[in-house]
Amino acid sequence: MGTVPGWPVAFRGSHAVAAGLVTRDRLRGPRYRRLLPDVYCRAAAGPPDLLLRSLAADRLVEGRGVLSGCSAAVLFGAACAPRPDVPAEVTIPGGDLRPHPGSVVHRGRLRDDEVTHVRDVVCTAPLRTAFDLVRGPDLDEAVVAVDRLANRHRLHPDRLLDLCERYRGRRGVARVPRVVELASPYAESPAETRLRLLIVAAGLPCPRVQWPVQDTAARTVF
């Protein structure tokens, strides 16, 4: 029996059959679930989460593209999707790869410094991932995404302004400075970011994040 990339989490069914890991009949049975064309996983209770659907999308593109957007963020441990059912995202330089239900295909070329590896998966680097997410239609969710990636990867939001210069005129670039102004690398959860934005939207001063509170009796700082 040979090895198959992604086995048994998210794998090409044809490759698993050819490697002798599973028969075609068993693959079509109740023990496995088809996620995308020729991409399967072991069956489990409940719908597949974004991480699993993203790994399936990675198997589908197989070197023709990389995971991006919310899919890249979840790989980095910086999940920031506004809903659990958001589609998996891939970016390809061109070609005829069409999106399938549960996935979105972006087309565009990425520079070498905009791509990285997370284990055996190729995805957009944290800064490029933040840049893609910050240009979405929802300002609050853009700030949530930047906060999550900045906190997890010690990424200062100001660095996004460098990509604004690189991609001047692209969709959504004009809003990036406002998101950078509202973002904080110290926010530790999407809920914390959304609460901070509600306070700002109400006309109050932007609160300081992670304010230390001292318990002098217990000699502890929270």
N, C-alpha and C. Protein backbone atom coordinates (compact mmCIF):
# COMPACT_ATOMS: atom_id res chain seq x y z
N MET A 1 0.83 -1.20 0.00
CA MET A 1 0.00 0.00 0.00
C MET A 1 0.87 1.26 0.00
N GLY A 2 0.51 2.24 -0.82
CA GLY A 2 1.27 3.47 -0.87
C GLY A 2 0.67 4.53 0.04
N THR A 3 1.37 5.64 0.12
CA THR A 3 0.87 6.75 0.92
C THR A 3 0.11 7.70 0.01
N VAL A 4 -0.89 8.36 0.56
CA VAL A 4 -1.73 9.28 -0.20
C VAL A 4 -1.80 10.60 0.56
N PRO A 5 -1.46 11.73 -0.09
CA PRO A 5 -1.55 13.02 0.60
C PRO A 5 -2.94 13.25 1.19
N GLY A 6 -2.95 13.66 2.46
CA GLY A 6 -4.20 13.97 3.12
C GLY A 6 -4.92 12.81 3.75
N TRP A 7 -4.48 11.60 3.49
CA TRP A 7 -5.16 10.41 4.05
C TRP A 7 -5.00 10.37 5.56
N PRO A 8 -6.07 10.10 6.31
CA PRO A 8 -7.46 9.86 5.90
C PRO A 8 -8.36 11.08 6.14
N VAL A 9 -7.75 12.28 6.32
CA VAL A 9 -8.55 13.46 6.69
C VAL A 9 -9.30 14.02 5.49
N ALA A 10 -8.56 14.38 4.44
CA ALA A 10 -9.16 14.87 3.19
C ALA A 10 -8.24 14.41 2.07
N PHE A 11 -8.72 13.54 1.21
CA PHE A 11 -7.83 12.87 0.26
C PHE A 11 -8.54 12.65 -1.06
N ARG A 12 -7.73 12.46 -2.11
CA ARG A 12 -8.25 12.12 -3.42
C ARG A 12 -8.69 10.65 -3.40
N GLY A 13 -9.97 10.42 -3.72
CA GLY A 13 -10.48 9.07 -3.71
C GLY A 13 -9.78 8.18 -4.71
N SER A 14 -9.52 8.69 -5.91
CA SER A 14 -8.86 7.88 -6.95
C SER A 14 -7.46 7.48 -6.51
N HIS A 15 -6.76 8.37 -5.80
CA HIS A 15 -5.41 8.05 -5.34
C HIS A 15 -5.46 6.99 -4.24
N ALA A 16 -6.45 7.08 -3.36
CA ALA A 16 -6.57 6.10 -2.28
C ALA A 16 -6.91 4.73 -2.83
N VAL A 17 -7.75 4.69 -3.84
CA VAL A 17 -8.08 3.41 -4.47
C VAL A 17 -6.86 2.83 -5.16
N ALA A 18 -6.14 3.66 -5.91
CA ALA A 18 -4.94 3.18 -6.62
C ALA A 18 -3.87 2.69 -5.66
N ALA A 19 -3.81 3.31 -4.46
CA ALA A 19 -2.79 2.91 -3.47
C ALA A 19 -3.23 1.71 -2.66
N GLY A 20 -4.44 1.23 -2.85
CA GLY A 20 -4.91 0.07 -2.12
C GLY A 20 -5.37 0.36 -0.70
N LEU A 21 -5.62 1.64 -0.40
CA LEU A 21 -6.05 2.00 0.95
C LEU A 21 -7.54 1.77 1.16
N VAL A 22 -8.29 1.77 0.07
CA VAL A 22 -9.74 1.60 0.16
C VAL A 22 -10.23 1.12 -1.21
N THR A 23 -11.31 0.36 -1.23
CA THR A 23 -11.90 -0.03 -2.50
C THR A 23 -12.89 1.03 -2.96
N ARG A 24 -13.20 1.03 -4.24
CA ARG A 24 -14.14 2.01 -4.76
C ARG A 24 -15.52 1.83 -4.15
N ASP A 25 -15.94 0.59 -3.96
CA ASP A 25 -17.25 0.34 -3.35
C ASP A 25 -17.30 0.84 -1.91
N ARG A 26 -16.23 0.59 -1.14
CA ARG A 26 -16.21 1.04 0.24
C ARG A 26 -16.18 2.57 0.31
N LEU A 27 -15.48 3.19 -0.65
CA LEU A 27 -15.40 4.65 -0.68
C LEU A 27 -16.79 5.27 -0.89
N ARG A 28 -17.64 4.58 -1.62
CA ARG A 28 -18.99 5.08 -1.88
C ARG A 28 -19.97 4.70 -0.78
N GLY A 29 -19.52 3.95 0.21
CA GLY A 29 -20.38 3.50 1.29
C GLY A 29 -20.51 4.52 2.40
N PRO A 30 -21.09 4.10 3.54
CA PRO A 30 -21.39 5.03 4.63
C PRO A 30 -20.18 5.46 5.45
N ARG A 31 -19.03 4.82 5.26
CA ARG A 31 -17.87 5.16 6.08
C ARG A 31 -17.14 6.41 5.60
N TYR A 32 -17.44 6.86 4.37
CA TYR A 32 -16.74 8.00 3.81
C TYR A 32 -17.73 9.02 3.29
N ARG A 33 -17.29 10.26 3.24
CA ARG A 33 -18.12 11.36 2.76
C ARG A 33 -17.41 12.07 1.62
N ARG A 34 -18.14 12.34 0.55
CA ARG A 34 -17.60 13.09 -0.58
C ARG A 34 -17.71 14.57 -0.27
N LEU A 35 -16.59 15.27 -0.29
CA LEU A 35 -16.56 16.70 0.01
C LEU A 35 -16.57 17.55 -1.25
N LEU A 36 -15.77 17.14 -2.22
CA LEU A 36 -15.63 17.81 -3.50
C LEU A 36 -15.39 16.72 -4.55
N PRO A 37 -15.42 17.05 -5.84
CA PRO A 37 -15.17 16.01 -6.83
C PRO A 37 -13.87 15.24 -6.57
N ASP A 38 -14.00 13.94 -6.34
CA ASP A 38 -12.87 13.03 -6.09
C ASP A 38 -12.14 13.33 -4.78
N VAL A 39 -12.73 14.12 -3.90
CA VAL A 39 -12.11 14.42 -2.60
C VAL A 39 -13.05 13.91 -1.51
N TYR A 40 -12.51 13.10 -0.62
CA TYR A 40 -13.31 12.43 0.41
C TYR A 40 -12.69 12.61 1.79
N CYS A 41 -13.50 12.31 2.80
CA CYS A 41 -13.01 12.22 4.17
C CYS A 41 -13.77 11.08 4.84
N ARG A 42 -13.33 10.67 6.01
CA ARG A 42 -14.08 9.70 6.77
C ARG A 42 -15.35 10.34 7.30
N ALA A 43 -16.43 9.60 7.24
CA ALA A 43 -17.72 10.13 7.67
C ALA A 43 -17.70 10.42 9.16
N ALA A 44 -18.37 11.49 9.55
CA ALA A 44 -18.47 11.88 10.96
C ALA A 44 -19.82 12.55 11.16
N ALA A 45 -20.23 12.62 12.42
CA ALA A 45 -21.49 13.27 12.73
C ALA A 45 -21.38 14.77 12.50
N GLY A 46 -22.42 15.35 11.95
CA GLY A 46 -22.43 16.79 11.73
C GLY A 46 -21.74 17.18 10.44
N PRO A 47 -21.99 18.40 9.99
CA PRO A 47 -21.38 18.88 8.75
C PRO A 47 -19.88 19.14 8.93
N PRO A 48 -19.11 19.06 7.86
CA PRO A 48 -17.67 19.34 7.96
C PRO A 48 -17.42 20.81 8.28
N ASP A 49 -16.45 21.07 9.15
CA ASP A 49 -16.15 22.45 9.51
C ASP A 49 -15.27 23.11 8.45
N LEU A 50 -14.97 24.40 8.65
CA LEU A 50 -14.22 25.14 7.65
C LEU A 50 -12.83 24.56 7.45
N LEU A 51 -12.17 24.11 8.51
CA LEU A 51 -10.84 23.55 8.37
C LEU A 51 -10.87 22.33 7.45
N LEU A 52 -11.80 21.42 7.68
CA LEU A 52 -11.87 20.21 6.86
C LEU A 52 -12.22 20.57 5.42
N ARG A 53 -13.16 21.49 5.22
CA ARG A 53 -13.53 21.88 3.86
C ARG A 53 -12.37 22.59 3.15
N SER A 54 -11.55 23.29 3.93
CA SER A 54 -10.38 23.95 3.34
C SER A 54 -9.33 22.94 2.93
N LEU A 55 -9.11 21.93 3.77
CA LEU A 55 -8.17 20.88 3.40
C LEU A 55 -8.64 20.13 2.16
N ALA A 56 -9.96 19.96 2.04
CA ALA A 56 -10.50 19.34 0.84
C ALA A 56 -10.25 20.20 -0.39
N ALA A 57 -10.42 21.51 -0.25
CA ALA A 57 -10.16 22.42 -1.37
C ALA A 57 -8.69 22.38 -1.77
N ASP A 58 -7.82 22.24 -0.79
CA ASP A 58 -6.39 22.13 -1.09
C ASP A 58 -6.10 20.88 -1.91
N ARG A 59 -6.75 19.77 -1.58
CA ARG A 59 -6.57 18.55 -2.36
C ARG A 59 -7.10 18.73 -3.78
N LEU A 60 -8.16 19.51 -3.92
CA LEU A 60 -8.75 19.70 -5.24
C LEU A 60 -7.84 20.48 -6.16
N VAL A 61 -7.20 21.54 -5.65
CA VAL A 61 -6.36 22.36 -6.53
C VAL A 61 -5.03 21.69 -6.83
N GLU A 62 -4.52 20.88 -5.91
CA GLU A 62 -3.31 20.06 -6.12
C GLU A 62 -2.20 20.78 -6.88
N GLY A 63 -1.67 21.83 -6.28
CA GLY A 63 -0.53 22.51 -6.87
C GLY A 63 -0.90 23.60 -7.86
N ARG A 64 -2.18 23.70 -8.22
CA ARG A 64 -2.59 24.74 -9.17
C ARG A 64 -2.93 26.04 -8.47
N GLY A 65 -3.03 26.02 -7.14
CA GLY A 65 -3.38 27.22 -6.40
C GLY A 65 -3.09 27.04 -4.93
N VAL A 66 -3.48 28.01 -4.12
CA VAL A 66 -3.21 27.97 -2.69
C VAL A 66 -4.47 28.33 -1.92
N LEU A 67 -4.55 27.91 -0.67
CA LEU A 67 -5.64 28.34 0.19
C LEU A 67 -5.45 29.81 0.54
N SER A 68 -6.55 30.52 0.66
CA SER A 68 -6.48 31.96 0.94
C SER A 68 -7.68 32.37 1.78
N GLY A 69 -7.76 33.67 2.12
CA GLY A 69 -8.89 34.19 2.86
C GLY A 69 -9.12 33.47 4.18
N CYS A 70 -10.39 33.19 4.48
CA CYS A 70 -10.74 32.54 5.75
C CYS A 70 -10.13 31.16 5.86
N SER A 71 -9.91 30.48 4.74
CA SER A 71 -9.29 29.16 4.77
C SER A 71 -7.85 29.24 5.25
N ALA A 72 -7.11 30.21 4.76
CA ALA A 72 -5.74 30.38 5.23
C ALA A 72 -5.73 30.79 6.70
N ALA A 73 -6.64 31.67 7.10
CA ALA A 73 -6.68 32.13 8.49
C ALA A 73 -6.92 30.97 9.45
N VAL A 74 -7.82 30.06 9.09
CA VAL A 74 -8.11 28.95 10.00
C VAL A 74 -6.91 28.01 10.10
N LEU A 75 -6.13 27.90 9.05
CA LEU A 75 -4.90 27.09 9.11
C LEU A 75 -3.90 27.70 10.09
N PHE A 76 -3.88 29.02 10.17
CA PHE A 76 -2.96 29.70 11.07
C PHE A 76 -3.44 29.72 12.52
N GLY A 77 -4.60 29.11 12.78
CA GLY A 77 -5.15 29.17 14.13
C GLY A 77 -5.75 30.52 14.44
N ALA A 78 -6.12 31.27 13.40
CA ALA A 78 -6.68 32.62 13.56
C ALA A 78 -8.07 32.67 12.94
N ALA A 79 -8.90 31.70 13.27
CA ALA A 79 -10.25 31.62 12.70
C ALA A 79 -10.99 32.93 12.90
N CYS A 80 -11.56 33.46 11.82
CA CYS A 80 -12.24 34.75 11.90
C CYS A 80 -13.47 34.79 11.02
N ALA A 81 -13.92 33.63 10.54
CA ALA A 81 -15.08 33.61 9.66
C ALA A 81 -16.32 34.10 10.41
N PRO A 82 -17.14 34.93 9.78
CA PRO A 82 -18.32 35.46 10.47
C PRO A 82 -19.41 34.41 10.68
N ARG A 83 -19.37 33.31 9.90
CA ARG A 83 -20.38 32.25 10.02
C ARG A 83 -19.68 30.90 9.86
N PRO A 84 -20.23 29.85 10.44
CA PRO A 84 -19.58 28.53 10.30
C PRO A 84 -19.67 27.96 8.89
N ASP A 85 -20.60 28.47 8.07
CA ASP A 85 -20.81 27.88 6.75
C ASP A 85 -20.13 28.67 5.63
N VAL A 86 -19.19 29.55 5.95
CA VAL A 86 -18.52 30.30 4.89
C VAL A 86 -17.78 29.32 3.98
N PRO A 87 -17.67 29.61 2.70
CA PRO A 87 -17.02 28.68 1.78
C PRO A 87 -15.50 28.64 1.98
N ALA A 88 -14.92 27.52 1.62
CA ALA A 88 -13.47 27.42 1.55
C ALA A 88 -12.98 28.30 0.40
N GLU A 89 -11.79 28.88 0.55
CA GLU A 89 -11.28 29.81 -0.46
C GLU A 89 -9.93 29.36 -1.00
N VAL A 90 -9.79 29.42 -2.30
CA VAL A 90 -8.50 29.16 -2.95
C VAL A 90 -8.21 30.29 -3.92
N THR A 91 -6.93 30.55 -4.14
CA THR A 91 -6.50 31.53 -5.14
C THR A 91 -5.63 30.81 -6.15
N ILE A 92 -5.94 30.99 -7.44
CA ILE A 92 -5.16 30.38 -8.51
C ILE A 92 -4.72 31.48 -9.47
N PRO A 93 -3.60 31.28 -10.18
CA PRO A 93 -3.12 32.32 -11.09
C PRO A 93 -3.97 32.48 -12.33
N GLY A 94 -4.74 31.47 -12.69
CA GLY A 94 -5.55 31.51 -13.90
C GLY A 94 -6.05 30.11 -14.19
N GLY A 95 -6.54 29.89 -15.39
CA GLY A 95 -7.00 28.56 -15.75
C GLY A 95 -8.50 28.42 -15.64
N ASP A 96 -8.97 27.18 -15.81
CA ASP A 96 -10.40 26.94 -15.92
C ASP A 96 -10.98 26.23 -14.70
N LEU A 97 -10.29 26.28 -13.57
CA LEU A 97 -10.83 25.66 -12.36
C LEU A 97 -12.09 26.41 -11.94
N ARG A 98 -13.20 25.68 -11.87
CA ARG A 98 -14.45 26.34 -11.51
C ARG A 98 -14.79 26.06 -10.05
N PRO A 99 -15.51 26.99 -9.41
CA PRO A 99 -15.90 26.76 -8.02
C PRO A 99 -16.95 25.67 -7.92
N HIS A 100 -16.95 24.98 -6.81
CA HIS A 100 -17.94 23.96 -6.51
C HIS A 100 -18.71 24.42 -5.27
N PRO A 101 -19.89 23.87 -5.04
CA PRO A 101 -20.63 24.25 -3.84
C PRO A 101 -19.77 24.13 -2.59
N GLY A 102 -19.75 25.19 -1.79
CA GLY A 102 -18.94 25.19 -0.58
C GLY A 102 -17.53 25.71 -0.78
N SER A 103 -17.22 26.21 -2.00
CA SER A 103 -15.87 26.74 -2.24
C SER A 103 -15.95 27.97 -3.14
N VAL A 104 -14.94 28.82 -3.01
CA VAL A 104 -14.82 30.03 -3.83
C VAL A 104 -13.43 30.04 -4.45
N VAL A 105 -13.35 30.37 -5.74
CA VAL A 105 -12.08 30.44 -6.45
C VAL A 105 -11.78 31.90 -6.79
N HIS A 106 -10.66 32.41 -6.28
CA HIS A 106 -10.17 33.74 -6.64
C HIS A 106 -9.06 33.57 -7.67
N ARG A 107 -8.98 34.50 -8.59
CA ARG A 107 -7.92 34.44 -9.60
C ARG A 107 -6.99 35.64 -9.46
N GLY A 108 -5.71 35.35 -9.41
CA GLY A 108 -4.71 36.40 -9.27
C GLY A 108 -3.36 35.80 -8.96
N ARG A 109 -2.33 36.48 -9.38
CA ARG A 109 -0.96 35.99 -9.14
C ARG A 109 -0.47 36.47 -7.78
N LEU A 110 0.26 35.61 -7.11
CA LEU A 110 0.82 35.92 -5.79
C LEU A 110 2.33 35.97 -5.89
N ARG A 111 2.93 36.92 -5.19
CA ARG A 111 4.40 37.01 -5.17
C ARG A 111 4.95 35.99 -4.17
N ASP A 112 6.23 35.71 -4.31
CA ASP A 112 6.85 34.68 -3.46
C ASP A 112 6.70 34.97 -1.97
N ASP A 113 6.78 36.26 -1.60
CA ASP A 113 6.69 36.60 -0.18
C ASP A 113 5.25 36.60 0.33
N GLU A 114 4.30 36.29 -0.54
CA GLU A 114 2.89 36.25 -0.16
C GLU A 114 2.37 34.83 0.02
N VAL A 115 3.27 33.86 -0.06
CA VAL A 115 2.88 32.45 0.02
C VAL A 115 3.74 31.75 1.07
N THR A 116 3.14 30.83 1.80
CA THR A 116 3.88 30.07 2.80
C THR A 116 3.30 28.67 2.90
N HIS A 117 3.89 27.84 3.77
CA HIS A 117 3.41 26.48 4.00
C HIS A 117 2.98 26.34 5.46
N VAL A 118 1.88 25.67 5.67
CA VAL A 118 1.48 25.23 7.00
C VAL A 118 1.43 23.71 6.93
N ARG A 119 2.44 23.08 7.52
CA ARG A 119 2.65 21.64 7.36
C ARG A 119 2.78 21.33 5.86
N ASP A 120 1.89 20.53 5.29
CA ASP A 120 2.02 20.20 3.87
C ASP A 120 1.03 20.97 3.00
N VAL A 121 0.47 22.03 3.53
CA VAL A 121 -0.52 22.82 2.80
C VAL A 121 0.07 24.17 2.42
N VAL A 122 -0.12 24.57 1.17
CA VAL A 122 0.35 25.87 0.69
C VAL A 122 -0.79 26.87 0.81
N CYS A 123 -0.48 28.03 1.38
CA CYS A 123 -1.52 29.04 1.58
C CYS A 123 -0.90 30.43 1.51
N THR A 124 -1.75 31.44 1.45
CA THR A 124 -1.25 32.80 1.49
C THR A 124 -0.64 33.08 2.87
N ALA A 125 0.44 33.86 2.89
CA ALA A 125 1.12 34.22 4.14
C ALA A 125 0.20 35.08 5.00
N PRO A 126 0.46 35.17 6.32
CA PRO A 126 -0.43 35.92 7.19
C PRO A 126 -0.72 37.35 6.72
N LEU A 127 0.31 38.09 6.26
CA LEU A 127 0.08 39.47 5.83
C LEU A 127 -0.82 39.52 4.61
N ARG A 128 -0.56 38.66 3.63
CA ARG A 128 -1.40 38.64 2.42
C ARG A 128 -2.82 38.17 2.77
N THR A 129 -2.93 37.20 3.69
CA THR A 129 -4.25 36.74 4.11
C THR A 129 -5.04 37.89 4.72
N ALA A 130 -4.40 38.65 5.60
CA ALA A 130 -5.06 39.82 6.20
C ALA A 130 -5.45 40.83 5.13
N PHE A 131 -4.58 41.04 4.16
CA PHE A 131 -4.86 42.01 3.10
C PHE A 131 -6.07 41.59 2.28
N ASP A 132 -6.20 40.30 2.00
CA ASP A 132 -7.37 39.82 1.25
C ASP A 132 -8.65 39.98 2.06
N LEU A 133 -8.58 39.65 3.35
CA LEU A 133 -9.78 39.72 4.19
C LEU A 133 -10.18 41.16 4.53
N VAL A 134 -9.21 42.04 4.62
CA VAL A 134 -9.50 43.42 5.01
C VAL A 134 -10.27 44.16 3.92
N ARG A 135 -10.23 43.65 2.70
CA ARG A 135 -10.89 44.32 1.58
C ARG A 135 -12.31 43.81 1.34
N GLY A 136 -12.83 43.00 2.28
CA GLY A 136 -14.19 42.51 2.15
C GLY A 136 -15.21 43.60 2.37
N PRO A 137 -16.50 43.30 2.18
CA PRO A 137 -17.53 44.34 2.23
C PRO A 137 -17.92 44.81 3.63
N ASP A 138 -17.61 44.02 4.65
CA ASP A 138 -18.04 44.35 6.02
C ASP A 138 -16.87 44.92 6.80
N LEU A 139 -16.96 46.19 7.21
CA LEU A 139 -15.85 46.84 7.92
C LEU A 139 -15.53 46.13 9.23
N ASP A 140 -16.56 45.82 10.02
CA ASP A 140 -16.31 45.18 11.31
C ASP A 140 -15.61 43.85 11.16
N GLU A 141 -16.07 43.03 10.19
CA GLU A 141 -15.45 41.72 10.01
C GLU A 141 -14.03 41.86 9.46
N ALA A 142 -13.77 42.92 8.72
CA ALA A 142 -12.40 43.18 8.25
C ALA A 142 -11.49 43.44 9.45
N VAL A 143 -11.96 44.23 10.41
CA VAL A 143 -11.16 44.51 11.61
C VAL A 143 -10.98 43.23 12.43
N VAL A 144 -12.02 42.42 12.54
CA VAL A 144 -11.91 41.14 13.25
C VAL A 144 -10.80 40.29 12.64
N ALA A 145 -10.78 40.20 11.32
CA ALA A 145 -9.78 39.38 10.64
C ALA A 145 -8.36 39.90 10.90
N VAL A 146 -8.18 41.20 10.80
CA VAL A 146 -6.85 41.77 11.03
C VAL A 146 -6.42 41.57 12.48
N ASP A 147 -7.33 41.79 13.42
CA ASP A 147 -7.01 41.58 14.83
C ASP A 147 -6.56 40.14 15.09
N ARG A 148 -7.29 39.18 14.54
CA ARG A 148 -6.96 37.77 14.79
C ARG A 148 -5.59 37.42 14.24
N LEU A 149 -5.33 37.81 13.02
CA LEU A 149 -4.04 37.47 12.40
C LEU A 149 -2.90 38.24 13.05
N ALA A 150 -3.16 39.49 13.42
CA ALA A 150 -2.13 40.29 14.08
C ALA A 150 -1.78 39.71 15.44
N ASN A 151 -2.78 39.26 16.18
CA ASN A 151 -2.55 38.71 17.51
C ASN A 151 -1.83 37.37 17.45
N ARG A 152 -2.22 36.52 16.52
CA ARG A 152 -1.64 35.18 16.44
C ARG A 152 -0.24 35.18 15.87
N HIS A 153 0.08 36.17 15.05
CA HIS A 153 1.36 36.13 14.33
C HIS A 153 2.22 37.37 14.56
N ARG A 154 1.94 38.11 15.64
CA ARG A 154 2.73 39.29 15.96
C ARG A 154 2.91 40.18 14.73
N LEU A 155 1.79 40.37 14.05
CA LEU A 155 1.75 41.13 12.81
C LEU A 155 1.19 42.52 13.09
N HIS A 156 1.98 43.55 12.89
CA HIS A 156 1.46 44.89 13.16
C HIS A 156 0.56 45.32 12.00
N PRO A 157 -0.65 45.77 12.28
CA PRO A 157 -1.58 46.15 11.21
C PRO A 157 -1.01 47.18 10.24
N ASP A 158 -0.10 48.04 10.69
CA ASP A 158 0.46 49.05 9.79
C ASP A 158 1.12 48.44 8.55
N ARG A 159 1.56 47.21 8.66
CA ARG A 159 2.23 46.58 7.51
C ARG A 159 1.31 46.40 6.32
N LEU A 160 0.00 46.42 6.58
CA LEU A 160 -0.95 46.31 5.47
C LEU A 160 -0.84 47.49 4.51
N LEU A 161 -0.38 48.63 5.02
CA LEU A 161 -0.26 49.81 4.17
C LEU A 161 0.79 49.60 3.09
N ASP A 162 1.78 48.75 3.35
CA ASP A 162 2.78 48.44 2.32
C ASP A 162 2.13 47.72 1.14
N LEU A 163 1.21 46.81 1.44
CA LEU A 163 0.52 46.10 0.36
C LEU A 163 -0.45 47.03 -0.37
N CYS A 164 -0.94 48.05 0.31
CA CYS A 164 -1.76 49.04 -0.39
C CYS A 164 -0.98 49.72 -1.50
N GLU A 165 0.28 50.00 -1.23
CA GLU A 165 1.14 50.61 -2.26
C GLU A 165 1.39 49.61 -3.39
N ARG A 166 1.58 48.34 -3.03
CA ARG A 166 1.87 47.32 -4.03
C ARG A 166 0.66 47.09 -4.94
N TYR A 167 -0.54 47.18 -4.38
CA TYR A 167 -1.75 46.86 -5.14
C TYR A 167 -2.68 48.07 -5.23
N ARG A 168 -2.11 49.21 -5.43
CA ARG A 168 -2.90 50.44 -5.53
C ARG A 168 -3.93 50.31 -6.64
N GLY A 169 -5.16 50.72 -6.33
CA GLY A 169 -6.23 50.67 -7.33
C GLY A 169 -7.04 49.39 -7.31
N ARG A 170 -6.60 48.37 -6.59
CA ARG A 170 -7.37 47.12 -6.52
C ARG A 170 -8.63 47.32 -5.68
N ARG A 171 -9.58 46.42 -5.87
CA ARG A 171 -10.84 46.48 -5.15
C ARG A 171 -10.62 46.50 -3.64
N GLY A 172 -11.24 47.45 -2.97
CA GLY A 172 -11.23 47.50 -1.52
C GLY A 172 -9.99 48.09 -0.88
N VAL A 173 -8.99 48.46 -1.68
CA VAL A 173 -7.74 48.97 -1.10
C VAL A 173 -7.96 50.30 -0.38
N ALA A 174 -8.87 51.11 -0.88
CA ALA A 174 -9.08 52.43 -0.30
C ALA A 174 -9.57 52.37 1.15
N ARG A 175 -10.19 51.27 1.56
CA ARG A 175 -10.70 51.19 2.91
C ARG A 175 -9.67 50.66 3.90
N VAL A 176 -8.54 50.17 3.43
CA VAL A 176 -7.55 49.55 4.31
C VAL A 176 -7.06 50.50 5.40
N PRO A 177 -6.72 51.77 5.09
CA PRO A 177 -6.25 52.66 6.17
C PRO A 177 -7.23 52.79 7.33
N ARG A 178 -8.54 52.81 7.05
CA ARG A 178 -9.52 52.92 8.12
C ARG A 178 -9.52 51.66 8.99
N VAL A 179 -9.40 50.49 8.36
CA VAL A 179 -9.33 49.25 9.13
C VAL A 179 -8.08 49.23 9.99
N VAL A 180 -6.96 49.66 9.43
CA VAL A 180 -5.70 49.70 10.20
C VAL A 180 -5.86 50.62 11.40
N GLU A 181 -6.54 51.74 11.22
CA GLU A 181 -6.77 52.68 12.32
C GLU A 181 -7.57 52.04 13.46
N LEU A 182 -8.52 51.17 13.12
CA LEU A 182 -9.38 50.55 14.12
C LEU A 182 -8.81 49.26 14.71
N ALA A 183 -7.84 48.68 14.05
CA ALA A 183 -7.33 47.36 14.45
C ALA A 183 -6.42 47.44 15.67
N SER A 184 -6.31 46.31 16.35
CA SER A 184 -5.40 46.20 17.50
C SER A 184 -4.80 44.80 17.53
N PRO A 185 -3.48 44.68 17.59
CA PRO A 185 -2.86 43.35 17.67
C PRO A 185 -3.02 42.70 19.03
N TYR A 186 -3.62 43.41 20.00
CA TYR A 186 -3.75 42.88 21.36
C TYR A 186 -5.12 42.23 21.61
N ALA A 187 -6.05 42.38 20.69
CA ALA A 187 -7.36 41.75 20.85
C ALA A 187 -7.20 40.24 20.77
N GLU A 188 -7.86 39.53 21.67
CA GLU A 188 -7.63 38.08 21.77
C GLU A 188 -8.81 37.23 21.32
N SER A 189 -9.88 37.86 20.82
CA SER A 189 -11.01 37.07 20.32
C SER A 189 -11.87 37.95 19.42
N PRO A 190 -12.60 37.34 18.48
CA PRO A 190 -13.51 38.13 17.64
C PRO A 190 -14.55 38.88 18.46
N ALA A 191 -15.05 38.25 19.53
CA ALA A 191 -16.06 38.92 20.36
C ALA A 191 -15.50 40.18 21.00
N GLU A 192 -14.25 40.12 21.41
CA GLU A 192 -13.60 41.29 22.02
C GLU A 192 -13.49 42.42 21.00
N THR A 193 -13.12 42.07 19.77
CA THR A 193 -13.02 43.09 18.72
C THR A 193 -14.37 43.70 18.43
N ARG A 194 -15.40 42.88 18.30
CA ARG A 194 -16.73 43.40 17.98
C ARG A 194 -17.24 44.32 19.09
N LEU A 195 -16.97 43.99 20.35
CA LEU A 195 -17.38 44.85 21.45
C LEU A 195 -16.66 46.19 21.37
N ARG A 196 -15.38 46.16 21.08
CA ARG A 196 -14.61 47.40 20.96
C ARG A 196 -15.18 48.28 19.85
N LEU A 197 -15.56 47.67 18.73
CA LEU A 197 -16.11 48.43 17.61
C LEU A 197 -17.48 49.00 17.94
N LEU A 198 -18.27 48.30 18.74
CA LEU A 198 -19.56 48.84 19.18
C LEU A 198 -19.36 50.10 20.03
N ILE A 199 -18.35 50.06 20.88
CA ILE A 199 -18.05 51.22 21.73
C ILE A 199 -17.64 52.41 20.87
N VAL A 200 -16.80 52.17 19.87
CA VAL A 200 -16.36 53.25 18.98
C VAL A 200 -17.55 53.78 18.16
N ALA A 201 -18.40 52.86 17.66
CA ALA A 201 -19.54 53.27 16.85
C ALA A 201 -20.53 54.11 17.65
N ALA A 202 -20.55 53.92 18.97
CA ALA A 202 -21.45 54.70 19.83
C ALA A 202 -20.92 56.10 20.11
N GLY A 203 -19.74 56.41 19.57
CA GLY A 203 -19.18 57.75 19.74
C GLY A 203 -18.27 57.89 20.94
N LEU A 204 -17.97 56.78 21.62
CA LEU A 204 -17.08 56.83 22.77
C LEU A 204 -15.63 56.66 22.33
N PRO A 205 -14.69 57.08 23.16
CA PRO A 205 -13.28 56.90 22.80
C PRO A 205 -12.94 55.42 22.65
N CYS A 206 -12.02 55.13 21.76
CA CYS A 206 -11.60 53.74 21.56
C CYS A 206 -10.95 53.23 22.85
N PRO A 207 -11.44 52.14 23.41
CA PRO A 207 -10.89 51.66 24.68
C PRO A 207 -9.49 51.07 24.51
N ARG A 208 -8.71 51.14 25.58
CA ARG A 208 -7.41 50.51 25.59
C ARG A 208 -7.59 49.01 25.80
N VAL A 209 -6.94 48.24 24.95
CA VAL A 209 -7.09 46.78 24.99
C VAL A 209 -6.11 46.17 25.99
N GLN A 210 -6.57 45.15 26.71
CA GLN A 210 -5.76 44.42 27.70
C GLN A 210 -5.26 45.36 28.81
N TRP A 211 -6.17 46.10 29.39
CA TRP A 211 -5.83 46.98 30.52
C TRP A 211 -5.51 46.12 31.75
N PRO A 212 -4.35 46.29 32.36
CA PRO A 212 -4.01 45.46 33.52
C PRO A 212 -4.80 45.87 34.77
N VAL A 213 -5.36 44.88 35.44
CA VAL A 213 -6.10 45.11 36.69
C VAL A 213 -5.34 44.40 37.81
N GLN A 214 -4.94 45.16 38.82
CA GLN A 214 -4.14 44.61 39.91
C GLN A 214 -5.01 44.26 41.11
N ASP A 215 -4.78 43.06 41.61
CA ASP A 215 -5.38 42.63 42.89
C ASP A 215 -4.24 42.66 43.91
N THR A 216 -4.17 43.79 44.66
CA THR A 216 -3.04 43.96 45.56
C THR A 216 -3.06 42.95 46.69
N ALA A 217 -4.26 42.53 47.10
CA ALA A 217 -4.34 41.57 48.20
C ALA A 217 -3.77 40.21 47.80
N ALA A 218 -4.14 39.79 46.57
CA ALA A 218 -3.65 38.49 46.09
C ALA A 218 -2.32 38.61 45.36
N ARG A 219 -1.86 39.86 45.20
CA ARG A 219 -0.61 40.12 44.48
C ARG A 219 -0.66 39.50 43.08
N THR A 220 -1.75 39.77 42.39
CA THR A 220 -1.99 39.19 41.07
C THR A 220 -2.42 40.30 40.12
N VAL A 221 -2.03 40.15 38.87
CA VAL A 221 -2.44 41.07 37.81
C VAL A 221 -3.27 40.29 36.79
N PHE A 222 -4.42 40.86 36.45
CA PHE A 222 -5.29 40.23 35.46
C PHE A 222 -5.31 41.07 34.19
